[in-house]
Amino acid sequence: MSVDKMKGQIKETTGKLSGDKQMEVEGKVEKTVAETEEGASDALEAAKEKMGDVVDSITDAVGDAYEGAKDKLADVVDTVGDALESAKDKLDEFFGGTAEKAQDVAEKTADKASEVAENTSAKASEVAEQASEKGKKR
């Protein structure tokens, strides 16, 4: 019991015992005000405690959501990395094979060009000889 409530109780009892209605009513009012203040104070403390619980719950939920999002993002990064690695392997395979084929074609083309050059040179020599012989005959 608070001091103000006790004062109100004493004043109310004194008013009853003395027959002073005004003092009795003032005591009741003081006691009621003190009880109301105590109730309000208790309610305020309970509300503060409940608000703290709510804040803790929200903080936990936000933390859990953050961790979950972070884990999902890590999974996405891993998946994208795997997809990029796979694409790189396929590109290397494709272009690596293409490069080998291009090298083969280049070698065959060079061989053919060399063969054509030799044949052309031989043919040019033949034509030059024939022209020289015809020139001598004239």
C-alpha atoms as a PDB file:
ATOM      1  CA  MET A   1       0.000   0.000   0.000  1.00  0.00           C
ATOM      2  CA  SER A   2       1.349   3.403  -0.951  1.00  0.00           C
ATOM      3  CA  VAL A   3       1.767   6.311   1.474  1.00  0.00           C
ATOM      4  CA  ASP A   4      -0.898   8.354  -0.365  1.00  0.00           C
ATOM      5  CA  LYS A   5      -3.342   5.442  -0.186  1.00  0.00           C
ATOM      6  CA  MET A   6      -2.700   5.036   3.560  1.00  0.00           C
ATOM      7  CA  LYS A   7      -3.205   8.785   4.101  1.00  0.00           C
ATOM      8  CA  GLY A   8      -6.511   8.579   2.212  1.00  0.00           C
ATOM      9  CA  GLN A   9      -7.557   5.523   4.255  1.00  0.00           C
ATOM     10  CA  ILE A  10      -6.681   7.264   7.546  1.00  0.00           C
ATOM     11  CA  LYS A  11      -8.528  10.433   6.512  1.00  0.00           C
ATOM     12  CA  GLU A  12     -11.586   8.390   5.442  1.00  0.00           C
ATOM     13  CA  THR A  13     -11.621   6.394   8.704  1.00  0.00           C
ATOM     14  CA  THR A  14     -11.111   9.540  10.782  1.00  0.00           C
ATOM     15  CA  GLY A  15     -14.021  11.178   8.943  1.00  0.00           C
ATOM     16  CA  LYS A  16     -16.261   8.158   9.606  1.00  0.00           C
ATOM     17  CA  LEU A  17     -15.326   7.996  13.269  1.00  0.00           C
ATOM     18  CA  SER A  18     -15.700  11.721  13.812  1.00  0.00           C
ATOM     19  CA  GLY A  19     -18.851  12.024  11.725  1.00  0.00           C
ATOM     20  CA  ASP A  20     -17.121  14.515   9.384  1.00  0.00           C
ATOM     21  CA  LYS A  21     -18.601  13.589   6.007  1.00  0.00           C
ATOM     22  CA  GLN A  22     -16.404  16.013   4.091  1.00  0.00           C
ATOM     23  CA  MET A  23     -13.230  14.498   5.620  1.00  0.00           C
ATOM     24  CA  GLU A  24     -14.557  10.971   4.886  1.00  0.00           C
ATOM     25  CA  VAL A  25     -15.237  11.874   1.228  1.00  0.00           C
ATOM     26  CA  GLU A  26     -11.847  13.603   0.864  1.00  0.00           C
ATOM     27  CA  GLY A  27     -10.183  10.466   2.280  1.00  0.00           C
ATOM     28  CA  LYS A  28     -12.079   8.239  -0.158  1.00  0.00           C
ATOM     29  CA  VAL A  29     -11.079  10.524  -3.048  1.00  0.00           C
ATOM     30  CA  GLU A  30      -7.401  10.551  -1.979  1.00  0.00           C
ATOM     31  CA  LYS A  31      -7.434   6.757  -1.546  1.00  0.00           C
ATOM     32  CA  THR A  32      -9.103   6.277  -4.953  1.00  0.00           C
ATOM     33  CA  VAL A  33      -6.636   8.640  -6.641  1.00  0.00           C
ATOM     34  CA  ALA A  34      -3.735   6.723  -5.042  1.00  0.00           C
ATOM     35  CA  GLU A  35      -5.211   3.370  -6.157  1.00  0.00           C
ATOM     36  CA  THR A  36      -5.756   4.757  -9.662  1.00  0.00           C
ATOM     37  CA  GLU A  37      -2.149   6.013  -9.783  1.00  0.00           C
ATOM     38  CA  GLU A  38      -0.899   2.600  -8.600  1.00  0.00           C
ATOM     39  CA  GLY A  39      -3.051   0.858 -11.222  1.00  0.00           C
ATOM     40  CA  ALA A  40      -1.839   3.213 -13.927  1.00  0.00           C
ATOM     41  CA  SER A  41       1.758   2.709 -12.842  1.00  0.00           C
ATOM     42  CA  ASP A  42       1.316  -1.089 -12.872  1.00  0.00           C
ATOM     43  CA  ALA A  43      -0.364  -0.900 -16.287  1.00  0.00           C
ATOM     44  CA  LEU A  44       2.461   1.275 -17.588  1.00  0.00           C
ATOM     45  CA  GLU A  45       5.078  -1.195 -16.328  1.00  0.00           C
ATOM     46  CA  ALA A  46       3.169  -4.110 -17.879  1.00  0.00           C
ATOM     47  CA  ALA A  47       2.873  -2.207 -21.167  1.00  0.00           C
ATOM     48  CA  LYS A  48       6.601  -1.433 -21.127  1.00  0.00           C
ATOM     49  CA  GLU A  49       7.390  -5.090 -20.486  1.00  0.00           C
ATOM     50  CA  LYS A  50       5.022  -6.207 -23.240  1.00  0.00           C
ATOM     51  CA  MET A  51       6.495  -3.618 -25.616  1.00  0.00           C
ATOM     52  CA  GLY A  52       9.972  -4.946 -24.809  1.00  0.00           C
ATOM     53  CA  ASP A  53       8.763  -8.463 -25.632  1.00  0.00           C
ATOM     54  CA  VAL A  54       7.286  -7.227 -28.925  1.00  0.00           C
ATOM     55  CA  VAL A  55      10.528  -5.412 -29.810  1.00  0.00           C
ATOM     56  CA  ASP A  56      12.507  -8.572 -28.999  1.00  0.00           C
ATOM     57  CA  SER A  57      10.183 -10.672 -31.168  1.00  0.00           C
ATOM     58  CA  ILE A  58      10.442  -8.225 -34.067  1.00  0.00           C
ATOM     59  CA  THR A  59      14.222  -8.070 -33.703  1.00  0.00           C
ATOM     60  CA  ASP A  60      14.423 -11.875 -33.751  1.00  0.00           C
ATOM     61  CA  ALA A  61      12.101 -12.106 -36.765  1.00  0.00           C
ATOM     62  CA  VAL A  62      14.089  -9.491 -38.694  1.00  0.00           C
ATOM     63  CA  GLY A  63      17.350 -11.247 -37.804  1.00  0.00           C
ATOM     64  CA  ASP A  64      15.952 -14.608 -38.933  1.00  0.00           C
ATOM     65  CA  ALA A  65      14.639 -13.071 -42.167  1.00  0.00           C
ATOM     66  CA  TYR A  66      18.028 -11.453 -42.801  1.00  0.00           C
ATOM     67  CA  GLU A  67      19.883 -14.719 -42.241  1.00  0.00           C
ATOM     68  CA  GLY A  68      17.416 -16.566 -44.478  1.00  0.00           C
ATOM     69  CA  ALA A  69      17.786 -13.981 -47.240  1.00  0.00           C
ATOM     70  CA  LYS A  70      21.568 -14.090 -46.887  1.00  0.00           C
ATOM     71  CA  ASP A  71      21.530 -17.900 -47.213  1.00  0.00           C
ATOM     72  CA  LYS A  72      19.235 -17.741 -50.263  1.00  0.00           C
ATOM     73  CA  LEU A  73      21.471 -15.123 -51.869  1.00  0.00           C
ATOM     74  CA  ALA A  74      24.505 -17.332 -51.278  1.00  0.00           C
ATOM     75  CA  ASP A  75      22.624 -20.205 -52.959  1.00  0.00           C
ATOM     76  CA  VAL A  76      21.790 -17.967 -55.931  1.00  0.00           C
ATOM     77  CA  VAL A  77      25.411 -16.837 -56.210  1.00  0.00           C
ATOM     78  CA  ASP A  78      26.543 -20.482 -56.151  1.00  0.00           C
ATOM     79  CA  THR A  79      23.972 -21.452 -58.786  1.00  0.00           C
ATOM     80  CA  VAL A  80      24.959 -18.560 -61.050  1.00  0.00           C
ATOM     81  CA  GLY A  81      28.644 -19.418 -60.562  1.00  0.00           C
ATOM     82  CA  ASP A  82      27.967 -23.053 -61.487  1.00  0.00           C
ATOM     83  CA  ALA A  83      25.984 -21.979 -64.562  1.00  0.00           C
ATOM     84  CA  LEU A  84      28.779 -19.633 -65.658  1.00  0.00           C
ATOM     85  CA  GLU A  85      31.381 -22.359 -65.172  1.00  0.00           C
ATOM     86  CA  SER A  86      29.273 -24.768 -67.223  1.00  0.00           C
ATOM     87  CA  ALA A  87      28.804 -22.167 -69.974  1.00  0.00           C
ATOM     88  CA  LYS A  88      32.550 -21.472 -69.961  1.00  0.00           C
ATOM     89  CA  ASP A  89      33.285 -25.186 -70.294  1.00  0.00           C
ATOM     90  CA  LYS A  90      30.861 -25.483 -73.209  1.00  0.00           C
ATOM     91  CA  LEU A  91      32.329 -22.416 -74.912  1.00  0.00           C
ATOM     92  CA  ASP A  92      35.853 -23.738 -74.391  1.00  0.00           C
ATOM     93  CA  GLU A  93      34.776 -27.086 -75.802  1.00  0.00           C
ATOM     94  CA  PHE A  94      33.080 -25.456 -78.792  1.00  0.00           C
ATOM     95  CA  PHE A  95      35.749 -22.916 -79.584  1.00  0.00           C
ATOM     96  CA  GLY A  96      38.563 -25.281 -78.656  1.00  0.00           C
ATOM     97  CA  GLY A  97      37.260 -27.766 -81.221  1.00  0.00           C
ATOM     98  CA  THR A  98      36.735 -24.966 -83.702  1.00  0.00           C
ATOM     99  CA  ALA A  99      40.291 -23.777 -83.242  1.00  0.00           C
ATOM    100  CA  GLU A 100      41.621 -27.286 -83.838  1.00  0.00           C
ATOM    101  CA  LYS A 101      39.464 -27.607 -86.959  1.00  0.00           C
ATOM    102  CA  ALA A 102      40.606 -24.197 -88.164  1.00  0.00           C
ATOM    103  CA  GLN A 103      44.225 -25.234 -87.608  1.00  0.00           C
ATOM    104  CA  ASP A 104      43.658 -28.409 -89.631  1.00  0.00           C
ATOM    105  CA  VAL A 105      41.983 -26.441 -92.440  1.00  0.00           C
ATOM    106  CA  ALA A 106      44.811 -23.881 -92.405  1.00  0.00           C
ATOM    107  CA  GLU A 107      47.442 -26.625 -92.663  1.00  0.00           C
ATOM    108  CA  LYS A 108      45.566 -28.357 -95.489  1.00  0.00           C
ATOM    109  CA  THR A 109      45.099 -25.018 -97.240  1.00  0.00           C
ATOM    110  CA  ALA A 110      48.799 -24.213 -96.889  1.00  0.00           C
ATOM    111  CA  ASP A 111      49.714 -27.651 -98.243  1.00  0.00           C
ATOM    112  CA  LYS A 112      47.326 -27.219-101.162  1.00  0.00           C
ATOM    113  CA  ALA A 113      48.617 -23.693-101.828  1.00  0.00           C
ATOM    114  CA  SER A 114      52.178 -25.012-101.829  1.00  0.00           C
ATOM    115  CA  GLU A 115      51.174 -27.799-104.208  1.00  0.00           C
ATOM    116  CA  VAL A 116      49.367 -25.342-106.501  1.00  0.00           C
ATOM    117  CA  ALA A 117      52.378 -22.998-106.374  1.00  0.00           C
ATOM    118  CA  GLU A 118      54.717 -25.835-107.322  1.00  0.00           C
ATOM    119  CA  ASN A 119      52.399 -26.934-110.132  1.00  0.00           C
ATOM    120  CA  THR A 120      52.032 -23.366-111.336  1.00  0.00           C
ATOM    121  CA  SER A 121      55.779 -22.817-111.221  1.00  0.00           C
ATOM    122  CA  ALA A 122      56.359 -26.039-113.152  1.00  0.00           C
ATOM    123  CA  LYS A 123      53.700 -25.117-115.676  1.00  0.00           C
ATOM    124  CA  ALA A 124      55.168 -21.616-116.032  1.00  0.00           C
ATOM    125  CA  SER A 125      58.573 -23.159-116.684  1.00  0.00           C
ATOM    126  CA  GLU A 126      57.069 -25.435-119.323  1.00  0.00           C
ATOM    127  CA  VAL A 127      55.299 -22.546-121.000  1.00  0.00           C
ATOM    128  CA  ALA A 128      58.488 -20.467-120.881  1.00  0.00           C
ATOM    129  CA  GLU A 129      60.475 -23.294-122.427  1.00  0.00           C
ATOM    130  CA  GLN A 130      57.894 -23.794-125.142  1.00  0.00           C
ATOM    131  CA  ALA A 131      57.856 -20.091-125.864  1.00  0.00           C
ATOM    132  CA  SER A 132      61.630 -20.063-125.959  1.00  0.00           C
ATOM    133  CA  GLU A 133      61.679 -22.959-128.403  1.00  0.00           C
ATOM    134  CA  LYS A 134      59.102 -21.335-130.607  1.00  0.00           C
ATOM    135  CA  GLY A 135      61.111 -18.124-130.495  1.00  0.00           C
ATOM    136  CA  LYS A 136      64.229 -19.985-131.572  1.00  0.00           C
ATOM    137  CA  LYS A 137      62.382 -21.575-134.457  1.00  0.00           C
ATOM    138  CA  ARG A 138      61.316 -18.382-135.918  1.00  0.00           C
END
